[in-house]
Amino acid sequence: MQEHSTALTTNCLRNAWRVHEPELRGWLRHRLGNPAEVDDLLQDLFLKALHQDERFCSVRNARAWLFEVARNTVADHLRVARVTVELPDDLAAPLDETDTVDRLIACLPRVLSELSSEDREAITLCDLQGMAQADYAAAKGLGLSAAKSRLQRARQRLKQRMTQGCQVQLDDAGRVRDFVPR
Protein backbone atom coordinates (compact mmCIF):
# COMPACT_ATOMS: atom_id res chain seq x y z
CA MET A 1 0.00 0.00 0.00
CA GLN A 2 2.88 2.41 0.83
CA GLU A 3 4.34 1.79 -2.62
CA HIS A 4 1.01 2.71 -4.25
CA SER A 5 0.79 5.95 -2.21
CA THR A 6 4.37 6.89 -3.12
CA ALA A 7 3.64 6.29 -6.82
CA LEU A 8 0.56 8.55 -6.67
CA THR A 9 2.55 11.29 -4.92
CA THR A 10 5.34 11.01 -7.46
CA ASN A 11 2.86 11.25 -10.35
CA CYS A 12 1.10 14.21 -8.78
CA LEU A 13 4.38 16.07 -8.31
CA ARG A 14 5.68 15.14 -11.77
CA ASN A 15 2.51 16.42 -13.42
CA ALA A 16 2.58 19.71 -11.50
CA TRP A 17 6.30 20.12 -12.17
CA ARG A 18 5.91 19.41 -15.90
CA VAL A 19 3.18 22.05 -16.18
CA HIS A 20 4.73 24.79 -14.01
CA GLU A 21 8.53 24.34 -14.24
CA PRO A 22 8.94 26.45 -17.42
CA GLU A 23 7.06 29.37 -15.87
CA LEU A 24 8.98 29.00 -12.60
CA ARG A 25 12.27 28.93 -14.53
CA GLY A 26 11.36 32.14 -16.36
CA TRP A 27 10.28 33.84 -13.15
CA LEU A 28 13.52 32.86 -11.40
CA ARG A 29 15.63 33.87 -14.41
CA HIS A 30 14.00 37.30 -14.36
CA ARG A 31 14.83 37.77 -10.67
CA LEU A 32 18.28 36.20 -10.51
CA GLY A 33 19.77 36.42 -13.99
CA ASN A 34 22.32 33.70 -13.26
CA PRO A 35 21.37 30.38 -14.95
CA ALA A 36 23.36 28.33 -12.41
CA GLU A 37 21.54 29.97 -9.49
CA VAL A 38 18.22 29.39 -11.28
CA ASP A 39 19.00 25.68 -11.66
CA ASP A 40 20.07 25.42 -8.00
CA LEU A 41 16.91 27.11 -6.74
CA LEU A 42 14.69 25.02 -9.01
CA GLN A 43 16.31 21.91 -7.57
CA ASP A 44 15.74 23.21 -4.03
CA LEU A 45 12.12 23.96 -4.87
CA PHE A 46 11.57 20.49 -6.32
CA LEU A 47 13.09 18.88 -3.22
CA LYS A 48 10.86 20.98 -0.95
CA ALA A 49 7.82 19.81 -2.92
CA LEU A 50 9.06 16.22 -2.81
CA HIS A 51 9.47 16.38 0.97
CA GLN A 52 5.77 17.27 1.26
CA ASP A 53 4.92 13.68 0.23
CA GLU A 54 1.12 13.20 0.05
CA ARG A 55 0.47 16.72 1.33
CA PHE A 56 1.63 18.14 -2.00
CA CYS A 57 -1.15 16.27 -3.82
CA SER A 58 -3.75 17.70 -1.44
CA VAL A 59 -2.74 21.30 -2.21
CA ARG A 60 -5.65 22.95 -4.02
CA ASN A 61 -3.48 25.12 -6.27
CA ALA A 62 -0.08 23.56 -6.99
CA ARG A 63 1.02 26.58 -9.06
CA ALA A 64 0.33 29.01 -6.20
CA TRP A 65 2.11 26.72 -3.71
CA LEU A 66 5.16 26.38 -5.97
CA PHE A 67 5.39 30.13 -6.56
CA GLU A 68 4.97 30.94 -2.87
CA VAL A 69 7.76 28.54 -1.96
CA ALA A 70 9.85 29.89 -4.87
CA ARG A 71 9.43 33.48 -3.60
CA ASN A 72 10.50 32.44 -0.11
CA THR A 73 13.44 30.47 -1.50
CA VAL A 74 14.60 33.47 -3.55
CA ALA A 75 14.26 35.76 -0.52
CA ASP A 76 16.33 33.35 1.60
CA HIS A 77 18.92 33.04 -1.16
CA LEU A 78 19.25 36.80 -1.61
CA ARG A 79 19.44 37.38 2.12
CA VAL A 80 22.32 34.92 2.42
CA ALA A 81 24.05 36.14 -0.74
CA ARG A 82 23.78 39.82 0.19
CA VAL A 83 27.11 41.59 -0.13
CA THR A 84 27.93 43.72 2.89
CA VAL A 85 30.16 46.76 3.05
CA GLU A 86 31.79 47.98 6.23
CA LEU A 87 30.54 51.45 7.20
CA PRO A 88 33.08 54.15 7.97
CA ASP A 89 33.34 54.96 11.68
CA ASP A 90 31.72 58.38 11.25
CA LEU A 91 28.54 56.74 9.85
CA ALA A 92 28.16 53.95 12.37
CA ALA A 93 25.43 54.29 15.01
CA PRO A 94 26.52 54.81 18.59
CA LEU A 95 27.09 51.45 20.26
CA ASP A 96 24.56 51.89 23.05
CA GLU A 97 21.71 52.78 20.64
CA THR A 98 22.48 49.76 18.46
CA ASP A 99 22.69 47.47 21.48
CA THR A 100 19.31 48.64 22.76
CA VAL A 101 17.59 48.04 19.42
CA ASP A 102 19.33 44.66 18.99
CA ARG A 103 18.11 43.60 22.42
CA LEU A 104 14.58 44.81 21.57
CA ILE A 105 14.49 42.28 18.73
CA ALA A 106 14.23 39.60 21.43
CA CYS A 107 10.65 40.85 22.09
CA LEU A 108 9.60 40.42 18.46
CA PRO A 109 8.77 36.66 18.36
CA ARG A 110 6.57 36.90 21.44
CA VAL A 111 4.76 40.04 20.23
CA LEU A 112 4.31 38.56 16.74
CA SER A 113 2.70 35.49 18.27
CA GLU A 114 0.16 37.74 19.99
CA LEU A 115 -1.00 39.34 16.72
CA SER A 116 -3.81 37.97 14.59
CA SER A 117 -2.74 35.37 12.04
CA GLU A 118 -3.50 37.85 9.22
CA ASP A 119 -1.26 40.55 10.75
CA ARG A 120 1.48 38.04 11.61
CA GLU A 121 1.47 36.65 8.06
CA ALA A 122 1.64 40.09 6.42
CA ILE A 123 4.57 41.20 8.60
CA THR A 124 6.40 37.89 8.31
CA LEU A 125 6.12 37.65 4.53
CA CYS A 126 6.71 41.29 3.60
CA ASP A 127 8.93 42.67 6.35
CA LEU A 128 10.85 39.66 7.63
CA GLN A 129 11.08 37.50 4.49
CA GLY A 130 11.30 40.36 2.00
CA MET A 131 8.31 39.50 -0.19
CA ALA A 132 7.33 42.41 -2.43
CA GLN A 133 3.98 43.94 -1.55
CA ALA A 134 2.77 43.33 -5.11
CA ASP A 135 3.61 39.62 -4.76
CA TYR A 136 1.85 39.53 -1.39
CA ALA A 137 -1.21 41.17 -2.94
CA ALA A 138 -1.27 38.58 -5.74
CA ALA A 139 -0.82 35.67 -3.34
CA LYS A 140 -3.69 36.91 -1.16
CA GLY A 141 -5.97 37.86 -4.06
CA LEU A 142 -5.91 41.53 -3.04
CA GLY A 143 -5.38 44.74 -4.93
CA LEU A 144 -2.03 46.41 -4.29
CA SER A 145 -3.58 49.27 -2.31
CA ALA A 146 -5.53 46.82 -0.13
CA ALA A 147 -2.37 44.81 0.54
CA LYS A 148 -0.44 47.98 1.42
CA SER A 149 -3.22 49.06 3.78
CA ARG A 150 -3.32 45.62 5.41
CA LEU A 151 0.45 45.67 5.95
CA GLN A 152 0.39 49.25 7.27
CA ARG A 153 -2.36 48.40 9.78
CA ALA A 154 -0.45 45.27 10.84
CA ARG A 155 2.70 47.35 11.38
CA GLN A 156 0.75 49.84 13.50
CA ARG A 157 -0.67 47.05 15.65
CA LEU A 158 2.81 45.50 15.98
CA LYS A 159 4.26 48.84 17.07
CA GLN A 160 1.45 49.31 19.58
CA ARG A 161 1.95 45.78 21.00
CA MET A 162 5.75 46.25 21.15
CA THR A 163 5.37 49.62 22.88
CA GLN A 164 2.90 48.27 25.44
CA GLY A 165 4.18 44.72 25.89
CA CYS A 166 7.86 45.62 26.09
CA GLN A 167 7.31 49.05 27.67
CA VAL A 168 9.36 50.76 24.96
CA GLN A 169 10.51 54.28 25.84
CA LEU A 170 11.54 56.66 23.07
CA ASP A 171 13.79 59.69 23.29
CA ASP A 172 12.90 63.11 21.87
CA ALA A 173 14.19 62.08 18.43
CA GLY A 174 11.92 58.99 18.37
CA ARG A 175 14.73 56.48 18.91
CA VAL A 176 14.40 53.59 21.34
CA ARG A 177 15.90 54.66 24.64
CA ASP A 178 14.89 51.76 26.85
CA PHE A 179 12.46 48.85 27.19
CA VAL A 180 11.54 46.05 29.54
CA PRO A 181 11.95 42.56 28.04
CA ARG A 182 9.40 39.92 29.01
C-alpha atoms as a PDB file:
ATOM      1  CA  MET A   1       0.000   0.000   0.000  1.00  0.00           C
ATOM      2  CA  GLN A   2       2.875   2.409   0.834  1.00  0.00           C
ATOM      3  CA  GLU A   3       4.341   1.791  -2.622  1.00  0.00           C
ATOM      4  CA  HIS A   4       1.012   2.714  -4.255  1.00  0.00           C
ATOM      5  CA  SER A   5       0.791   5.953  -2.206  1.00  0.00           C
ATOM      6  CA  THR A   6       4.366   6.890  -3.124  1.00  0.00           C
ATOM      7  CA  ALA A   7       3.639   6.293  -6.818  1.00  0.00           C
ATOM      8  CA  LEU A   8       0.560   8.553  -6.671  1.00  0.00           C
ATOM      9  CA  THR A   9       2.547  11.286  -4.920  1.00  0.00           C
ATOM     10  CA  THR A  10       5.345  11.009  -7.462  1.00  0.00           C
ATOM     11  CA  ASN A  11       2.863  11.245 -10.354  1.00  0.00           C
ATOM     12  CA  CYS A  12       1.096  14.209  -8.775  1.00  0.00           C
ATOM     13  CA  LEU A  13       4.381  16.070  -8.310  1.00  0.00           C
ATOM     14  CA  ARG A  14       5.682  15.138 -11.767  1.00  0.00           C
ATOM     15  CA  ASN A  15       2.510  16.422 -13.424  1.00  0.00           C
ATOM     16  CA  ALA A  16       2.581  19.708 -11.498  1.00  0.00           C
ATOM     17  CA  TRP A  17       6.297  20.124 -12.167  1.00  0.00           C
ATOM     18  CA  ARG A  18       5.912  19.412 -15.896  1.00  0.00           C
ATOM     19  CA  VAL A  19       3.181  22.049 -16.178  1.00  0.00           C
ATOM     20  CA  HIS A  20       4.733  24.788 -14.009  1.00  0.00           C
ATOM     21  CA  GLU A  21       8.525  24.338 -14.238  1.00  0.00           C
ATOM     22  CA  PRO A  22       8.944  26.448 -17.421  1.00  0.00           C
ATOM     23  CA  GLU A  23       7.055  29.368 -15.867  1.00  0.00           C
ATOM     24  CA  LEU A  24       8.981  28.998 -12.597  1.00  0.00           C
ATOM     25  CA  ARG A  25      12.270  28.930 -14.525  1.00  0.00           C
ATOM     26  CA  GLY A  26      11.359  32.137 -16.364  1.00  0.00           C
ATOM     27  CA  TRP A  27      10.280  33.840 -13.147  1.00  0.00           C
ATOM     28  CA  LEU A  28      13.524  32.860 -11.401  1.00  0.00           C
ATOM     29  CA  ARG A  29      15.633  33.872 -14.409  1.00  0.00           C
ATOM     30  CA  HIS A  30      14.001  37.305 -14.356  1.00  0.00           C
ATOM     31  CA  ARG A  31      14.828  37.768 -10.673  1.00  0.00           C
ATOM     32  CA  LEU A  32      18.277  36.203 -10.508  1.00  0.00           C
ATOM     33  CA  GLY A  33      19.772  36.421 -13.991  1.00  0.00           C
ATOM     34  CA  ASN A  34      22.324  33.697 -13.257  1.00  0.00           C
ATOM     35  CA  PRO A  35      21.370  30.379 -14.946  1.00  0.00           C
ATOM     36  CA  ALA A  36      23.364  28.327 -12.410  1.00  0.00           C
ATOM     37  CA  GLU A  37      21.535  29.967  -9.495  1.00  0.00           C
ATOM     38  CA  VAL A  38      18.222  29.388 -11.278  1.00  0.00           C
ATOM     39  CA  ASP A  39      19.001  25.679 -11.656  1.00  0.00           C
ATOM     40  CA  ASP A  40      20.068  25.420  -7.997  1.00  0.00           C
ATOM     41  CA  LEU A  41      16.913  27.110  -6.736  1.00  0.00           C
ATOM     42  CA  LEU A  42      14.688  25.018  -9.013  1.00  0.00           C
ATOM     43  CA  GLN A  43      16.306  21.913  -7.568  1.00  0.00           C
ATOM     44  CA  ASP A  44      15.741  23.213  -4.026  1.00  0.00           C
ATOM     45  CA  LEU A  45      12.121  23.964  -4.867  1.00  0.00           C
ATOM     46  CA  PHE A  46      11.566  20.486  -6.318  1.00  0.00           C
ATOM     47  CA  LEU A  47      13.090  18.882  -3.222  1.00  0.00           C
ATOM     48  CA  LYS A  48      10.861  20.977  -0.946  1.00  0.00           C
ATOM     49  CA  ALA A  49       7.818  19.807  -2.921  1.00  0.00           C
ATOM     50  CA  LEU A  50       9.057  16.219  -2.815  1.00  0.00           C
ATOM     51  CA  HIS A  51       9.466  16.385   0.969  1.00  0.00           C
ATOM     52  CA  GLN A  52       5.774  17.275   1.256  1.00  0.00           C
ATOM     53  CA  ASP A  53       4.919  13.679   0.234  1.00  0.00           C
ATOM     54  CA  GLU A  54       1.120  13.196   0.045  1.00  0.00           C
ATOM     55  CA  ARG A  55       0.475  16.722   1.332  1.00  0.00           C
ATOM     56  CA  PHE A  56       1.626  18.135  -2.003  1.00  0.00           C
ATOM     57  CA  CYS A  57      -1.154  16.269  -3.823  1.00  0.00           C
ATOM     58  CA  SER A  58      -3.745  17.702  -1.445  1.00  0.00           C
ATOM     59  CA  VAL A  59      -2.739  21.296  -2.212  1.00  0.00           C
ATOM     60  CA  ARG A  60      -5.650  22.947  -4.020  1.00  0.00           C
ATOM     61  CA  ASN A  61      -3.481  25.121  -6.268  1.00  0.00           C
ATOM     62  CA  ALA A  62      -0.084  23.560  -6.994  1.00  0.00           C
ATOM     63  CA  ARG A  63       1.021  26.579  -9.058  1.00  0.00           C
ATOM     64  CA  ALA A  64       0.333  29.008  -6.199  1.00  0.00           C
ATOM     65  CA  TRP A  65       2.111  26.718  -3.713  1.00  0.00           C
ATOM     66  CA  LEU A  66       5.155  26.376  -5.971  1.00  0.00           C
ATOM     67  CA  PHE A  67       5.387  30.133  -6.560  1.00  0.00           C
ATOM     68  CA  GLU A  68       4.969  30.944  -2.873  1.00  0.00           C
ATOM     69  CA  VAL A  69       7.762  28.540  -1.962  1.00  0.00           C
ATOM     70  CA  ALA A  70       9.854  29.892  -4.869  1.00  0.00           C
ATOM     71  CA  ARG A  71       9.431  33.479  -3.598  1.00  0.00           C
ATOM     72  CA  ASN A  72      10.503  32.443  -0.107  1.00  0.00           C
ATOM     73  CA  THR A  73      13.441  30.466  -1.498  1.00  0.00           C
ATOM     74  CA  VAL A  74      14.602  33.473  -3.551  1.00  0.00           C
ATOM     75  CA  ALA A  75      14.260  35.756  -0.521  1.00  0.00           C
ATOM     76  CA  ASP A  76      16.330  33.352   1.599  1.00  0.00           C
ATOM     77  CA  HIS A  77      18.917  33.037  -1.163  1.00  0.00           C
ATOM     78  CA  LEU A  78      19.254  36.800  -1.610  1.00  0.00           C
ATOM     79  CA  ARG A  79      19.443  37.383   2.120  1.00  0.00           C
ATOM     80  CA  VAL A  80      22.318  34.917   2.422  1.00  0.00           C
ATOM     81  CA  ALA A  81      24.054  36.139  -0.744  1.00  0.00           C
ATOM     82  CA  ARG A  82      23.782  39.821   0.186  1.00  0.00           C
ATOM     83  CA  VAL A  83      27.110  41.593  -0.131  1.00  0.00           C
ATOM     84  CA  THR A  84      27.934  43.723   2.894  1.00  0.00           C
ATOM     85  CA  VAL A  85      30.158  46.755   3.053  1.00  0.00           C
ATOM     86  CA  GLU A  86      31.790  47.981   6.233  1.00  0.00           C
ATOM     87  CA  LEU A  87      30.543  51.451   7.204  1.00  0.00           C
ATOM     88  CA  PRO A  88      33.082  54.150   7.969  1.00  0.00           C
ATOM     89  CA  ASP A  89      33.340  54.957  11.681  1.00  0.00           C
ATOM     90  CA  ASP A  90      31.720  58.377  11.248  1.00  0.00           C
ATOM     91  CA  LEU A  91      28.535  56.745   9.848  1.00  0.00           C
ATOM     92  CA  ALA A  92      28.160  53.953  12.369  1.00  0.00           C
ATOM     93  CA  ALA A  93      25.432  54.295  15.007  1.00  0.00           C
ATOM     94  CA  PRO A  94      26.523  54.813  18.595  1.00  0.00           C
ATOM     95  CA  LEU A  95      27.091  51.446  20.257  1.00  0.00           C
ATOM     96  CA  ASP A  96      24.561  51.893  23.052  1.00  0.00           C
ATOM     97  CA  GLU A  97      21.707  52.776  20.644  1.00  0.00           C
ATOM     98  CA  THR A  98      22.479  49.765  18.464  1.00  0.00           C
ATOM     99  CA  ASP A  99      22.694  47.468  21.480  1.00  0.00           C
ATOM    100  CA  THR A 100      19.311  48.642  22.760  1.00  0.00           C
ATOM    101  CA  VAL A 101      17.587  48.038  19.415  1.00  0.00           C
ATOM    102  CA  ASP A 102      19.330  44.664  18.993  1.00  0.00           C
ATOM    103  CA  ARG A 103      18.109  43.597  22.424  1.00  0.00           C
ATOM    104  CA  LEU A 104      14.581  44.810  21.571  1.00  0.00           C
ATOM    105  CA  ILE A 105      14.486  42.277  18.728  1.00  0.00           C
ATOM    106  CA  ALA A 106      14.226  39.604  21.428  1.00  0.00           C
ATOM    107  CA  CYS A 107      10.651  40.845  22.093  1.00  0.00           C
ATOM    108  CA  LEU A 108       9.601  40.418  18.461  1.00  0.00           C
ATOM    109  CA  PRO A 109       8.770  36.663  18.359  1.00  0.00           C
ATOM    110  CA  ARG A 110       6.567  36.900  21.440  1.00  0.00           C
ATOM    111  CA  VAL A 111       4.763  40.035  20.235  1.00  0.00           C
ATOM    112  CA  LEU A 112       4.309  38.564  16.742  1.00  0.00           C
ATOM    113  CA  SER A 113       2.704  35.489  18.270  1.00  0.00           C
ATOM    114  CA  GLU A 114       0.161  37.743  19.991  1.00  0.00           C
ATOM    115  CA  LEU A 115      -0.998  39.339  16.721  1.00  0.00           C
ATOM    116  CA  SER A 116      -3.806  37.967  14.589  1.00  0.00           C
ATOM    117  CA  SER A 117      -2.745  35.368  12.038  1.00  0.00           C
ATOM    118  CA  GLU A 118      -3.498  37.853   9.222  1.00  0.00           C
ATOM    119  CA  ASP A 119      -1.258  40.552  10.747  1.00  0.00           C
ATOM    120  CA  ARG A 120       1.479  38.041  11.606  1.00  0.00           C
ATOM    121  CA  GLU A 121       1.469  36.650   8.062  1.00  0.00           C
ATOM    122  CA  ALA A 122       1.643  40.094   6.417  1.00  0.00           C
ATOM    123  CA  ILE A 123       4.567  41.205   8.595  1.00  0.00           C
ATOM    124  CA  THR A 124       6.404  37.886   8.312  1.00  0.00           C
ATOM    125  CA  LEU A 125       6.121  37.650   4.529  1.00  0.00           C
ATOM    126  CA  CYS A 126       6.715  41.295   3.603  1.00  0.00           C
ATOM    127  CA  ASP A 127       8.928  42.673   6.354  1.00  0.00           C
ATOM    128  CA  LEU A 128      10.849  39.665   7.630  1.00  0.00           C
ATOM    129  CA  GLN A 129      11.079  37.502   4.492  1.00  0.00           C
ATOM    130  CA  GLY A 130      11.300  40.361   1.998  1.00  0.00           C
ATOM    131  CA  MET A 131       8.305  39.499  -0.190  1.00  0.00           C
ATOM    132  CA  ALA A 132       7.332  42.411  -2.432  1.00  0.00           C
ATOM    133  CA  GLN A 133       3.976  43.940  -1.552  1.00  0.00           C
ATOM    134  CA  ALA A 134       2.770  43.328  -5.111  1.00  0.00           C
ATOM    135  CA  ASP A 135       3.608  39.621  -4.759  1.00  0.00           C
ATOM    136  CA  TYR A 136       1.855  39.532  -1.388  1.00  0.00           C
ATOM    137  CA  ALA A 137      -1.213  41.165  -2.935  1.00  0.00           C
ATOM    138  CA  ALA A 138      -1.267  38.582  -5.745  1.00  0.00           C
ATOM    139  CA  ALA A 139      -0.816  35.667  -3.344  1.00  0.00           C
ATOM    140  CA  LYS A 140      -3.690  36.905  -1.164  1.00  0.00           C
ATOM    141  CA  GLY A 141      -5.971  37.862  -4.060  1.00  0.00           C
ATOM    142  CA  LEU A 142      -5.909  41.534  -3.045  1.00  0.00           C
ATOM    143  CA  GLY A 143      -5.380  44.740  -4.933  1.00  0.00           C
ATOM    144  CA  LEU A 144      -2.029  46.406  -4.294  1.00  0.00           C
ATOM    145  CA  SER A 145      -3.579  49.273  -2.313  1.00  0.00           C
ATOM    146  CA  ALA A 146      -5.533  46.823  -0.132  1.00  0.00           C
ATOM    147  CA  ALA A 147      -2.371  44.810   0.539  1.00  0.00           C
ATOM    148  CA  LYS A 148      -0.438  47.983   1.425  1.00  0.00           C
ATOM    149  CA  SER A 149      -3.223  49.057   3.781  1.00  0.00           C
ATOM    150  CA  ARG A 150      -3.317  45.622   5.412  1.00  0.00           C
ATOM    151  CA  LEU A 151       0.452  45.673   5.947  1.00  0.00           C
ATOM    152  CA  GLN A 152       0.393  49.249   7.271  1.00  0.00           C
ATOM    153  CA  ARG A 153      -2.356  48.397   9.782  1.00  0.00           C
ATOM    154  CA  ALA A 154      -0.449  45.267  10.836  1.00  0.00           C
ATOM    155  CA  ARG A 155       2.700  47.348  11.381  1.00  0.00           C
ATOM    156  CA  GLN A 156       0.754  49.840  13.497  1.00  0.00           C
ATOM    157  CA  ARG A 157      -0.669  47.047  15.647  1.00  0.00           C
ATOM    158  CA  LEU A 158       2.815  45.495  15.979  1.00  0.00           C
ATOM    159  CA  LYS A 159       4.260  48.845  17.065  1.00  0.00           C
ATOM    160  CA  GLN A 160       1.451  49.307  19.581  1.00  0.00           C
ATOM    161  CA  ARG A 161       1.954  45.780  20.995  1.00  0.00           C
ATOM    162  CA  MET A 162       5.755  46.254  21.154  1.00  0.00           C
ATOM    163  CA  THR A 163       5.372  49.623  22.885  1.00  0.00           C
ATOM    164  CA  GLN A 164       2.905  48.267  25.443  1.00  0.00           C
ATOM    165  CA  GLY A 165       4.177  44.715  25.889  1.00  0.00           C
ATOM    166  CA  CYS A 166       7.855  45.618  26.087  1.00  0.00           C
ATOM    167  CA  GLN A 167       7.313  49.053  27.669  1.00  0.00           C
ATOM    168  CA  VAL A 168       9.356  50.764  24.964  1.00  0.00           C
ATOM    169  CA  GLN A 169      10.510  54.280  25.842  1.00  0.00           C
ATOM    170  CA  LEU A 170      11.537  56.656  23.069  1.00  0.00           C
ATOM    171  CA  ASP A 171      13.794  59.688  23.295  1.00  0.00           C
ATOM    172  CA  ASP A 172      12.904  63.112  21.868  1.00  0.00           C
ATOM    173  CA  ALA A 173      14.188  62.080  18.428  1.00  0.00           C
ATOM    174  CA  GLY A 174      11.922  58.992  18.371  1.00  0.00           C
ATOM    175  CA  ARG A 175      14.729  56.481  18.910  1.00  0.00           C
ATOM    176  CA  VAL A 176      14.404  53.585  21.337  1.00  0.00           C
ATOM    177  CA  ARG A 177      15.897  54.658  24.637  1.00  0.00           C
ATOM    178  CA  ASP A 178      14.893  51.758  26.851  1.00  0.00           C
ATOM    179  CA  PHE A 179      12.458  48.850  27.190  1.00  0.00           C
ATOM    180  CA  VAL A 180      11.542  46.050  29.538  1.00  0.00           C
ATOM    181  CA  PRO A 181      11.949  42.556  28.038  1.00  0.00           C
ATOM    182  CA  ARG A 182       9.397  39.925  29.005  1.00  0.00           C
END
